Protein backbone atom coordinates (compact mmCIF):
# COMPACT_ATOMS: atom_id res chain seq x y z
CA MET A 1 6.51 6.99 -7.08
CA ASN A 2 6.41 10.19 -9.10
CA LEU A 3 4.34 11.26 -12.09
CA ARG A 4 7.18 10.47 -14.53
CA ASP A 5 7.36 6.87 -13.22
CA ILE A 6 3.62 6.41 -13.63
CA LEU A 7 3.58 7.82 -17.17
CA ASN A 8 6.59 5.70 -18.16
CA LYS A 9 4.84 2.61 -16.81
CA LEU A 10 1.74 3.38 -18.88
CA VAL A 11 3.87 3.82 -22.01
CA GLU A 12 5.95 0.68 -21.40
CA THR A 13 2.89 -1.52 -20.82
CA ASP A 14 1.17 0.03 -23.87
CA GLU A 15 -1.95 0.89 -21.90
CA THR A 16 -4.86 1.88 -24.16
CA VAL A 17 -6.02 4.79 -22.03
CA LEU A 18 -6.28 8.54 -22.25
CA LEU A 19 -5.49 10.79 -19.33
CA SER A 20 -8.03 13.56 -18.98
CA ASP A 21 -7.66 16.95 -17.30
CA ARG A 22 -9.47 20.27 -17.69
CA ASN A 23 -7.44 21.01 -20.83
CA GLY A 24 -8.30 17.84 -22.74
CA ASP A 25 -7.38 14.20 -23.19
CA TRP A 26 -3.75 13.08 -23.46
CA GLU A 27 -1.77 9.97 -24.17
CA ALA A 28 0.88 9.23 -21.54
CA SER A 29 3.70 9.66 -24.08
CA ALA A 30 2.45 13.15 -24.99
CA LEU A 31 2.43 14.19 -21.33
CA LEU A 32 6.00 12.95 -20.88
CA GLU A 33 7.06 15.33 -23.66
CA LYS A 34 4.81 18.25 -22.65
CA LEU A 35 5.10 18.50 -18.87
CA SER A 36 7.84 20.41 -17.08
CA ALA A 37 10.50 18.64 -15.01
CA PRO A 38 9.05 19.92 -11.68
CA MET A 39 5.60 18.61 -12.62
CA LEU A 40 7.00 15.19 -13.57
CA LYS A 41 8.81 14.99 -10.21
CA ARG A 42 5.57 15.40 -8.21
CA ALA A 43 4.82 12.45 -5.95
CA ALA A 44 1.76 10.69 -7.33
CA HIS A 45 -0.40 7.59 -7.03
CA LEU A 46 -2.03 5.62 -9.85
CA GLN A 47 -5.42 4.12 -9.09
CA PRO A 48 -5.74 1.83 -12.13
CA GLY A 49 -8.82 2.50 -14.22
CA MET A 50 -9.73 5.60 -12.24
CA TYR A 51 -7.18 8.41 -11.76
CA ILE A 52 -3.68 9.67 -11.08
CA ALA A 53 -3.58 11.81 -7.93
CA GLU A 54 -0.81 13.76 -6.29
CA ILE A 55 0.49 12.71 -2.89
CA ASN A 56 0.67 15.74 -0.61
CA ALA A 57 3.38 16.59 1.91
CA GLY A 58 1.49 14.71 4.62
CA GLY A 59 1.57 11.52 2.56
CA TYR A 60 -2.13 11.60 1.72
CA LEU A 61 -3.83 11.66 -1.65
CA GLY A 62 -4.34 15.22 -2.81
CA GLU A 63 -5.59 16.73 -6.03
CA VAL A 64 -6.59 14.40 -8.86
CA LEU A 65 -4.22 15.27 -11.69
CA TYR A 66 -5.71 13.06 -14.43
CA ARG A 67 -8.78 10.90 -14.79
CA ILE A 68 -8.27 7.72 -16.76
CA LYS A 69 -10.48 7.13 -19.78
CA GLN A 70 -10.52 4.08 -22.03
CA LYS A 71 -9.68 4.82 -25.66
CA THR A 72 -12.59 4.19 -27.96
């Protein structure tokens, strides 16, 4: 699964979460519009309620790309 797939899934299921990185909090739909094609193609894993992390070349979880926050 790649980052685009995960963000699309969050949009389609109308998840009420924000995705947080060092630059701020984002809705999934905003990230789909903002991020570059290479970034959206990155292999990633969604840990529901916790984070979205990249999957490195070895197939292991790598850097946490976004932490999941509940909208208030």
